[in-house]
Amino acid sequence: MKKIIRSYSMYSAFMSIIIILFGTGLVGTPSIILAQGGIWTYKTDMPTARYGLATSVVDGKIYAIGGGTYPFITISVVEEYNPTTDTWTTKTNMPTPRAFLSSSVVNDKIYVIGGLSGLNTDLHKVEEYDPATDTWTTKTNMPTPRSFLSTSVVNGKIYAIGGLLGDTGLRTVEEYDPATDTWTSKADMQMPIAVLSTSVVDGIIYAIGGARNLGEWAISSVEAYDPATDTWTSKENMLIARGFFSTSVVDGKIYAIGGTDHPYNSGAYSSVEAYDPATDSWTMKTDMQISRKALATSAVNGKIYAIGGNSVPGFETCIPTVEEYNPGTTNIEDTFGEQNNPTEYLLHQNYPNPFNPAATIKYQIPELSFVTIKVFDLLGSEIATLVNEEKPVGSYKVEFDSQGLTSGVYFYRLQAGSFVETKKMVLLR
């Protein structure tokens, strides 16, 4: 099979144009905004498909907690994701099943706060999870029961912000101190907001997007909360109104990922935009590979992991998909970090992904090995053999040309001695 090297510039140009139809949550004049940089790659699926989950990071591992499945059933499942090995491990269930909850980390313990235990049943429950012992402890209830809230941590204290109580959107802000297991009321937000997301940069909490309640269109507003002065300040609006989305911070910038402008009347977004608090400005970034709302995101080692969610109007589906976003990557060579003398076997995710018509696959071997790389379709039929020879220690790349193949999911497998690893790739015509 012929092998072709394709430049990243064509893919980048294809991914760079995003048409925004709902800039304020209401139908308006379409505008075109250019996206700038970043690369998404598929990772191993989460074992339990779900939406409305929460994620938190302890010791470089992501804990996916709770959520809902269709038809709306709240679950207590906890699964740990290790980005280094791209593997999932099942952990002890949370005591209280719930969805549309929030979680935050203080002193390597995860505090799960609020959520729905069933349709229209808001919770004020707080449960602490210790990953070191894989155990749960019940803590003092939050004063205001609520779901669809967001939490963030500043100086060891957790701030529970906004959300819903029944059908009512909340401006409520309450501070939890894990050291004393106590709650304190703080200054309200400027407007009632649910299905929002919050993130912290330099000790300031940014409350972003959301909706006044579940039956209204999403908004693009941004408010900044300073815990030191207990005050709120309006900031530059997002470029796209969105709720049921998620935010994560890398290098002092907040990335708003996915979501929707209405949970029941609209589908999900794949779009991503980044907020720079230093300049109070937003920039569009490379889209996710799939659209989704009610997802969760967490950042580990400068990369963001988008996990689970829902992809259609309403909540008739839930997905297990995991995507990794590298905000700083702008070309193929940046993606892989080649080593002249690798110390371990490694098969990289193909690039670009999705690809059309060719994909680059990089791999490394730490000792003289007979190496094969083969491509298979979903049925397990062999499509191509890309490598079939002895290789000395080193890092290598090979190109896969998809000429004659249809759009869909394919798999490529590296076998070198006793080492075997398989990854999936997506051909998008």
Protein backbone atom coordinates (compact mmCIF):
# COMPACT_ATOMS: atom_id res chain seq x y z
CA MET A 1 0.00 0.00 0.00
CA LYS A 2 1.35 3.40 -0.98
CA LYS A 3 2.47 5.61 1.90
CA ILE A 4 1.99 9.40 1.70
CA ILE A 5 3.20 12.14 4.06
CA ARG A 6 0.56 14.85 4.40
CA SER A 7 1.19 18.29 5.89
CA TYR A 8 -0.66 19.36 9.03
CA SER A 9 -1.58 22.69 7.41
CA MET A 10 -4.46 21.21 5.38
CA TYR A 11 -5.99 19.60 8.46
CA SER A 12 -5.46 22.76 10.51
CA ALA A 13 -7.17 24.86 7.88
CA PHE A 14 -10.10 22.44 7.76
CA MET A 15 -10.51 22.54 11.55
CA SER A 16 -10.06 26.29 11.88
CA ILE A 17 -13.43 27.62 10.69
CA ILE A 18 -16.35 27.55 13.09
CA ILE A 19 -19.75 29.03 12.29
CA ILE A 20 -21.56 30.39 15.32
CA LEU A 21 -25.34 30.69 15.01
CA PHE A 22 -26.29 31.43 18.61
CA GLY A 23 -23.89 34.04 19.94
CA THR A 24 -26.15 35.15 22.76
CA GLY A 25 -28.41 32.15 23.26
CA LEU A 26 -30.91 33.69 20.82
CA VAL A 27 -30.87 33.28 17.06
CA GLY A 28 -28.71 36.06 15.64
CA THR A 29 -26.51 36.94 12.70
CA PRO A 30 -24.09 34.14 11.83
CA SER A 31 -20.43 35.03 12.22
CA ILE A 32 -17.22 33.21 11.32
CA ILE A 33 -14.43 32.89 13.87
CA LEU A 34 -11.06 31.27 13.24
CA ALA A 35 -9.94 28.62 15.69
CA GLN A 36 -6.33 28.62 16.84
CA GLY A 37 -4.33 25.55 17.70
CA GLY A 38 -4.60 22.47 19.87
CA ILE A 39 -5.01 18.80 19.02
CA TRP A 40 -7.61 16.24 20.18
CA THR A 41 -6.97 12.49 20.27
CA TYR A 42 -9.19 9.59 21.32
CA LYS A 43 -8.25 7.63 24.45
CA THR A 44 -9.61 4.46 26.05
CA ASP A 45 -13.36 4.67 26.69
CA MET A 46 -14.66 5.02 30.23
CA PRO A 47 -16.10 1.64 31.35
CA THR A 48 -19.50 3.14 32.28
CA ALA A 49 -21.22 5.37 29.73
CA ARG A 50 -22.84 8.34 31.52
CA TYR A 51 -23.61 12.05 31.50
CA GLY A 52 -23.93 14.60 34.30
CA LEU A 53 -20.88 13.14 36.05
CA ALA A 54 -18.13 14.93 37.99
CA THR A 55 -14.36 14.49 37.66
CA SER A 56 -11.48 15.43 39.95
CA VAL A 57 -7.71 14.85 39.87
CA VAL A 58 -5.58 13.41 42.66
CA ASP A 59 -1.94 12.37 42.17
CA GLY A 60 -2.19 12.61 38.39
CA LYS A 61 -5.24 10.34 38.14
CA ILE A 62 -8.76 11.37 37.18
CA TYR A 63 -11.72 10.12 39.20
CA ALA A 64 -15.03 9.97 37.30
CA ILE A 65 -17.83 10.07 39.86
CA GLY A 66 -21.57 9.46 39.65
CA GLY A 67 -23.74 10.69 36.79
CA GLY A 68 -26.83 9.50 35.00
CA THR A 69 -27.76 6.89 32.42
CA TYR A 70 -30.77 6.69 30.11
CA PRO A 71 -33.59 6.46 31.08
CA PHE A 72 -32.64 8.90 33.84
CA ILE A 73 -31.14 6.70 36.53
CA THR A 74 -28.62 8.18 38.94
CA ILE A 75 -25.57 6.06 39.62
CA SER A 76 -22.86 5.93 42.28
CA VAL A 77 -20.10 4.45 40.10
CA VAL A 78 -16.51 5.67 40.62
CA GLU A 79 -13.84 4.89 38.02
CA GLU A 80 -10.21 5.98 38.07
CA TYR A 81 -8.41 6.96 34.84
CA ASN A 82 -4.62 6.91 34.57
CA PRO A 83 -3.55 9.14 31.65
CA THR A 84 -0.01 7.70 31.70
CA THR A 85 -1.19 4.16 30.99
CA ASP A 86 -4.52 5.11 29.35
CA THR A 87 -6.32 2.62 31.61
CA TRP A 88 -9.40 2.62 33.86
CA THR A 89 -9.88 1.01 37.29
CA THR A 90 -13.16 0.56 39.19
CA LYS A 91 -13.23 2.02 42.71
CA THR A 92 -15.61 1.90 45.69
CA ASN A 93 -19.03 3.33 44.86
CA MET A 94 -20.11 6.68 46.27
CA PRO A 95 -22.62 6.18 49.13
CA THR A 96 -25.32 8.34 47.50
CA PRO A 97 -26.16 7.80 43.79
CA ARG A 98 -26.48 11.17 42.05
CA ALA A 99 -26.11 13.08 38.81
CA PHE A 100 -25.42 16.73 37.93
CA LEU A 101 -23.26 16.93 41.03
CA SER A 102 -19.95 18.74 41.55
CA SER A 103 -16.60 17.71 43.04
CA SER A 104 -13.46 19.47 44.23
CA VAL A 105 -10.14 18.45 45.80
CA VAL A 106 -8.56 19.65 49.05
CA ASN A 107 -5.48 17.94 50.53
CA ASP A 108 -5.78 14.99 48.13
CA LYS A 109 -9.35 14.23 49.17
CA ILE A 110 -12.32 14.64 46.84
CA TYR A 111 -15.45 16.37 48.14
CA VAL A 112 -18.62 15.49 46.21
CA ILE A 113 -21.32 18.10 46.69
CA GLY A 114 -25.00 18.39 45.77
CA GLY A 115 -26.66 16.94 42.69
CA LEU A 116 -29.85 15.06 41.85
CA SER A 117 -30.72 11.76 43.51
CA GLY A 118 -33.75 11.34 41.21
CA LEU A 119 -35.96 13.51 39.06
CA ASN A 120 -36.50 16.88 40.81
CA THR A 121 -34.85 15.68 44.02
CA ASP A 122 -32.07 18.12 44.89
CA LEU A 123 -29.39 17.12 47.37
CA HIS A 124 -27.38 18.95 50.00
CA LYS A 125 -25.22 15.89 50.63
CA VAL A 126 -21.44 16.19 51.01
CA GLU A 127 -19.32 13.05 50.84
CA GLU A 128 -15.54 12.87 51.07
CA TYR A 129 -13.55 10.33 49.07
CA ASP A 130 -9.98 9.37 49.99
CA PRO A 131 -8.25 7.79 46.97
CA ALA A 132 -5.40 6.56 49.18
CA THR A 133 -7.75 4.27 51.11
CA ASP A 134 -10.59 4.02 48.55
CA THR A 135 -13.10 4.97 51.26
CA TRP A 136 -15.97 7.42 51.67
CA THR A 137 -16.97 9.59 54.66
CA THR A 138 -20.17 11.62 55.11
CA LYS A 139 -19.61 15.29 55.95
CA THR A 140 -21.82 18.21 57.03
CA ASN A 141 -24.61 18.96 54.56
CA MET A 142 -24.46 22.03 52.34
CA PRO A 143 -27.01 24.58 53.69
CA THR A 144 -28.83 24.91 50.34
CA PRO A 145 -29.81 21.66 48.58
CA ARG A 146 -29.18 22.04 44.86
CA SER A 147 -28.17 20.40 41.61
CA PHE A 148 -26.54 21.69 38.40
CA LEU A 149 -24.11 23.72 40.54
CA SER A 150 -20.35 24.20 40.20
CA THR A 151 -17.60 24.17 42.82
CA SER A 152 -14.04 25.56 42.92
CA VAL A 153 -11.25 25.69 45.50
CA VAL A 154 -9.28 28.73 46.72
CA ASN A 155 -6.88 28.53 49.69
CA GLY A 156 -8.20 25.18 50.87
CA LYS A 157 -11.86 26.23 50.89
CA ILE A 158 -14.54 25.03 48.48
CA TYR A 159 -17.03 27.49 46.97
CA ALA A 160 -20.40 26.04 45.87
CA ILE A 161 -21.84 28.41 43.27
CA GLY A 162 -25.25 28.72 41.60
CA GLY A 163 -27.34 25.75 40.56
CA LEU A 164 -31.01 24.81 40.78
CA LEU A 165 -33.37 24.26 43.68
CA GLY A 166 -36.41 22.62 42.09
CA ASP A 167 -37.17 24.82 39.09
CA THR A 168 -35.52 27.92 40.53
CA GLY A 169 -32.09 29.14 39.42
CA LEU A 170 -29.86 30.25 42.30
CA ARG A 171 -27.43 33.11 42.90
CA THR A 172 -26.34 31.37 46.09
CA VAL A 173 -22.65 31.05 47.05
CA GLU A 174 -21.62 28.97 50.07
CA GLU A 175 -18.08 28.32 51.32
CA TYR A 176 -17.09 24.95 52.78
CA ASP A 177 -14.03 24.55 55.01
CA PRO A 178 -12.97 20.87 55.08
CA ALA A 179 -10.67 21.54 58.04
CA THR A 180 -13.63 22.43 60.28
CA ASP A 181 -16.40 20.70 58.28
CA THR A 182 -18.44 23.94 58.31
CA TRP A 183 -20.31 26.08 55.80
CA THR A 184 -20.49 29.90 55.51
CA SER A 185 -22.76 32.01 53.26
CA LYS A 186 -20.99 34.38 50.86
CA ALA A 187 -22.00 37.20 48.49
CA ASP A 188 -24.51 36.13 45.86
CA MET A 189 -23.70 36.09 42.17
CA GLN A 190 -25.07 38.98 40.13
CA MET A 191 -27.74 36.76 38.52
CA PRO A 192 -29.22 33.29 39.16
CA ILE A 193 -27.41 30.71 37.04
CA ALA A 194 -27.47 26.91 36.76
CA VAL A 195 -25.63 24.45 34.46
CA LEU A 196 -22.63 26.81 34.62
CA SER A 197 -18.94 25.97 35.06
CA THR A 198 -16.35 27.56 37.32
CA SER A 199 -12.54 27.60 37.24
CA VAL A 200 -9.81 29.32 39.24
CA VAL A 201 -6.88 31.40 38.00
CA ASP A 202 -4.61 33.28 40.45
CA GLY A 203 -7.06 32.95 43.34
CA ILE A 204 -10.05 34.32 41.39
CA ILE A 205 -13.06 32.13 40.58
CA TYR A 206 -14.59 32.63 37.14
CA ALA A 207 -18.26 31.61 36.86
CA ILE A 208 -18.93 31.07 33.18
CA GLY A 209 -22.04 30.59 31.04
CA GLY A 210 -25.01 28.47 32.08
CA ALA A 211 -28.74 29.27 32.02
CA ARG A 212 -31.25 30.94 34.37
CA ASN A 213 -32.99 27.54 34.65
CA LEU A 214 -33.36 24.36 32.62
CA GLY A 215 -36.13 25.75 30.42
CA GLU A 216 -34.22 28.83 29.22
CA TRP A 217 -31.60 29.43 26.56
CA ALA A 218 -27.95 29.43 27.58
CA ILE A 219 -26.09 32.65 28.29
CA SER A 220 -22.53 33.73 27.58
CA SER A 221 -21.90 35.87 30.66
CA VAL A 222 -18.79 35.64 32.83
CA GLU A 223 -18.52 36.77 36.46
CA ALA A 224 -15.33 36.82 38.53
CA TYR A 225 -15.45 36.19 42.28
CA ASP A 226 -12.67 37.30 44.62
CA PRO A 227 -12.89 35.31 47.88
CA ALA A 228 -10.53 37.76 49.59
CA THR A 229 -13.02 40.63 49.20
CA ASP A 230 -16.21 38.56 48.77
CA THR A 231 -17.12 40.54 45.64
CA TRP A 232 -18.26 39.78 42.10
CA THR A 233 -17.18 41.57 38.87
CA SER A 234 -18.52 41.21 35.31
CA LYS A 235 -16.04 40.07 32.66
CA GLU A 236 -15.98 39.70 28.87
CA ASN A 237 -18.70 37.35 27.59
CA MET A 238 -17.91 34.04 25.94
CA LEU A 239 -18.03 33.96 22.15
CA ILE A 240 -20.68 31.22 22.26
CA ALA A 241 -23.55 30.98 24.75
CA ARG A 242 -23.38 27.58 26.37
CA GLY A 243 -24.68 25.54 29.28
CA PHE A 244 -24.13 21.89 30.29
CA PHE A 245 -20.45 22.36 29.38
CA SER A 246 -17.20 22.07 31.31
CA THR A 247 -14.08 24.16 31.91
CA SER A 248 -10.48 23.33 32.75
CA VAL A 249 -7.34 25.43 33.25
CA VAL A 250 -3.99 25.02 31.49
CA ASP A 251 -1.18 27.60 31.70
CA GLY A 252 -3.41 30.24 33.24
CA LYS A 253 -6.10 30.03 30.56
CA ILE A 254 -9.61 28.63 30.99
CA TYR A 255 -10.90 26.29 28.28
CA ALA A 256 -14.70 26.11 27.85
CA ILE A 257 -15.54 22.81 26.17
CA GLY A 258 -18.70 21.43 24.56
CA GLY A 259 -22.18 22.09 25.94
CA THR A 260 -25.37 23.29 24.26
CA ASP A 261 -27.50 26.41 23.94
CA HIS A 262 -30.63 24.52 25.08
CA PRO A 263 -30.74 21.01 26.62
CA TYR A 264 -33.96 19.91 24.91
CA ASN A 265 -34.27 22.01 21.76
CA SER A 266 -30.69 21.76 20.47
CA GLY A 267 -27.93 19.26 19.93
CA ALA A 268 -24.49 19.36 21.53
CA TYR A 269 -21.43 21.47 20.70
CA SER A 270 -17.98 20.24 19.76
CA SER A 271 -16.59 23.77 19.99
CA VAL A 272 -13.86 24.93 22.37
CA GLU A 273 -12.88 28.44 23.38
CA ALA A 274 -10.19 29.75 25.72
CA TYR A 275 -10.37 32.67 28.13
CA ASP A 276 -7.27 34.66 29.09
CA PRO A 277 -7.91 36.48 32.39
CA ALA A 278 -4.85 38.66 31.82
CA THR A 279 -6.43 40.24 28.74
CA ASP A 280 -10.11 39.50 29.53
CA SER A 281 -10.53 38.00 26.06
CA TRP A 282 -11.75 34.81 24.38
CA THR A 283 -10.26 32.82 21.48
CA MET A 284 -11.75 29.89 19.57
CA LYS A 285 -9.74 26.66 19.67
CA THR A 286 -9.78 23.35 17.78
CA ASP A 287 -13.10 21.48 18.06
CA MET A 288 -13.46 18.18 19.87
CA GLN A 289 -13.80 15.22 17.55
CA ILE A 290 -17.39 14.60 18.68
CA SER A 291 -20.14 16.89 19.95
CA ARG A 292 -21.30 16.50 23.55
CA LYS A 293 -22.99 18.17 26.48
CA ALA A 294 -23.24 17.25 30.19
CA LEU A 295 -19.62 16.09 29.98
CA ALA A 296 -16.83 16.50 32.52
CA THR A 297 -13.26 17.69 31.97
CA SER A 298 -10.06 17.60 34.02
CA ALA A 299 -6.50 18.74 33.32
CA VAL A 300 -3.42 16.59 33.97
CA ASN A 301 0.15 17.57 33.01
CA GLY A 302 -0.95 20.33 30.66
CA LYS A 303 -3.53 18.22 28.82
CA ILE A 304 -7.32 18.28 29.19
CA TYR A 305 -9.42 15.12 29.23
CA ALA A 306 -13.06 15.38 28.08
CA ILE A 307 -15.04 12.47 29.51
CA GLY A 308 -18.55 11.10 28.91
CA GLY A 309 -21.61 13.21 28.20
CA ASN A 310 -24.55 13.21 25.81
CA SER A 311 -24.74 14.11 22.14
CA VAL A 312 -28.41 14.63 21.19
CA PRO A 313 -31.30 16.95 22.16
CA GLY A 314 -32.72 15.77 25.48
CA PHE A 315 -30.84 13.07 27.36
CA GLU A 316 -31.75 9.92 25.42
CA THR A 317 -28.14 8.77 25.09
CA CYS A 318 -24.98 8.68 27.15
CA ILE A 319 -21.47 8.04 25.90
CA PRO A 320 -18.24 6.63 27.37
CA THR A 321 -15.90 8.50 25.02
CA VAL A 322 -12.67 10.06 26.30
CA GLU A 323 -10.70 12.64 24.32
CA GLU A 324 -7.36 14.21 25.24
CA TYR A 325 -6.67 17.83 24.28
CA ASN A 326 -3.15 19.23 23.99
CA PRO A 327 -3.57 23.03 23.86
CA GLY A 328 0.07 23.74 23.03
CA THR A 329 0.48 21.40 20.06
CA THR A 330 0.47 23.04 16.64
CA ASN A 331 2.19 20.49 14.38
CA ILE A 332 2.96 16.81 14.03
CA GLU A 333 6.46 16.93 15.46
CA ASP A 334 5.26 18.62 18.67
CA THR A 335 2.82 15.80 19.30
CA PHE A 336 5.15 12.93 19.89
CA GLY A 337 8.39 13.95 21.61
CA GLU A 338 10.74 11.51 19.87
CA GLN A 339 13.57 9.87 21.82
CA ASN A 340 16.85 8.76 20.26
CA ASN A 341 17.32 6.12 22.96
CA PRO A 342 13.87 5.14 24.23
CA THR A 343 13.65 3.02 27.38
CA GLU A 344 10.18 1.58 26.81
CA TYR A 345 7.90 0.34 24.06
CA LEU A 346 5.39 2.98 23.03
CA LEU A 347 2.73 3.28 20.34
CA HIS A 348 1.44 6.82 19.82
CA GLN A 349 -2.02 7.90 18.78
CA ASN A 350 -2.16 8.51 15.04
CA TYR A 351 -2.16 12.07 13.80
CA PRO A 352 -4.35 13.71 12.67
CA ASN A 353 -7.35 11.94 14.14
CA PRO A 354 -9.85 11.95 12.48
CA PHE A 355 -7.72 11.72 9.33
CA ASN A 356 -8.23 11.98 5.58
CA PRO A 357 -6.63 10.61 3.50
CA ALA A 358 -3.42 9.74 5.40
CA ALA A 359 -2.40 9.32 9.03
CA THR A 360 1.00 9.40 10.70
CA ILE A 361 1.74 6.68 13.25
CA LYS A 362 4.78 6.98 15.51
CA TYR A 363 6.25 4.31 17.76
CA GLN A 364 9.41 3.57 19.73
CA ILE A 365 11.23 0.40 20.73
CA PRO A 366 13.89 0.09 23.47
CA GLU A 367 15.73 -2.95 22.04
CA LEU A 368 16.36 -4.79 18.80
CA SER A 369 12.97 -6.27 17.87
CA PHE A 370 11.04 -7.75 14.99
CA VAL A 371 8.25 -5.21 14.50
CA THR A 372 4.89 -5.50 12.78
CA ILE A 373 2.25 -2.79 12.48
CA LYS A 374 -1.06 -3.85 10.95
CA VAL A 375 -4.36 -2.06 10.35
CA PHE A 376 -7.76 -3.73 10.88
CA ASP A 377 -11.39 -2.81 10.33
CA LEU A 378 -14.19 -3.09 12.91
CA LEU A 379 -14.75 -6.74 12.01
CA GLY A 380 -11.11 -7.59 12.66
CA SER A 381 -10.20 -8.05 9.00
CA GLU A 382 -6.66 -7.02 8.15
CA ILE A 383 -6.55 -3.94 5.91
CA ALA A 384 -2.83 -3.28 5.59
CA THR A 385 0.63 -4.20 6.89
CA LEU A 386 2.65 -1.05 7.44
CA VAL A 387 5.78 -2.54 9.06
CA ASN A 388 7.09 -6.12 8.97
CA GLU A 389 10.81 -6.16 9.71
CA GLU A 390 13.51 -6.14 12.37
CA LYS A 391 14.21 -2.70 13.87
CA PRO A 392 17.06 -1.48 16.11
CA VAL A 393 16.48 0.71 19.18
CA GLY A 394 14.88 4.02 18.21
CA SER A 395 11.82 6.11 17.41
CA TYR A 396 10.04 5.66 14.11
CA LYS A 397 7.07 6.86 12.10
CA VAL A 398 5.04 5.31 9.32
CA GLU A 399 2.28 6.74 7.11
CA PHE A 400 -1.04 5.02 6.47
CA ASP A 401 -2.85 5.91 3.23
CA SER A 402 -6.61 5.24 3.42
CA GLN A 403 -7.14 5.17 -0.35
CA GLY A 404 -10.13 2.98 -1.21
CA LEU A 405 -11.51 2.86 2.36
CA THR A 406 -14.80 4.28 3.61
CA SER A 407 -15.34 6.54 6.64
CA GLY A 408 -15.36 4.74 9.97
CA VAL A 409 -13.34 3.38 12.88
CA TYR A 410 -10.19 1.36 12.22
CA PHE A 411 -7.58 -0.17 14.52
CA TYR A 412 -3.80 -0.34 14.24
CA ARG A 413 -1.67 -2.81 16.19
CA LEU A 414 2.02 -2.74 17.08
CA GLN A 415 3.72 -6.04 17.91
CA ALA A 416 7.40 -6.00 18.89
CA GLY A 417 8.67 -9.12 20.61
CA SER A 418 6.19 -9.83 23.42
CA PHE A 419 4.89 -6.24 23.44
CA VAL A 420 1.49 -5.74 21.79
CA GLU A 421 -0.62 -2.57 21.76
CA THR A 422 -3.66 -1.56 19.72
CA LYS A 423 -5.20 1.87 19.17
CA LYS A 424 -8.21 3.08 17.22
CA MET A 425 -8.32 5.77 14.56
CA VAL A 426 -11.17 7.47 12.73
CA LEU A 427 -11.31 8.01 8.97
CA LEU A 428 -13.55 10.95 8.08
CA ARG A 429 -14.20 11.50 4.38
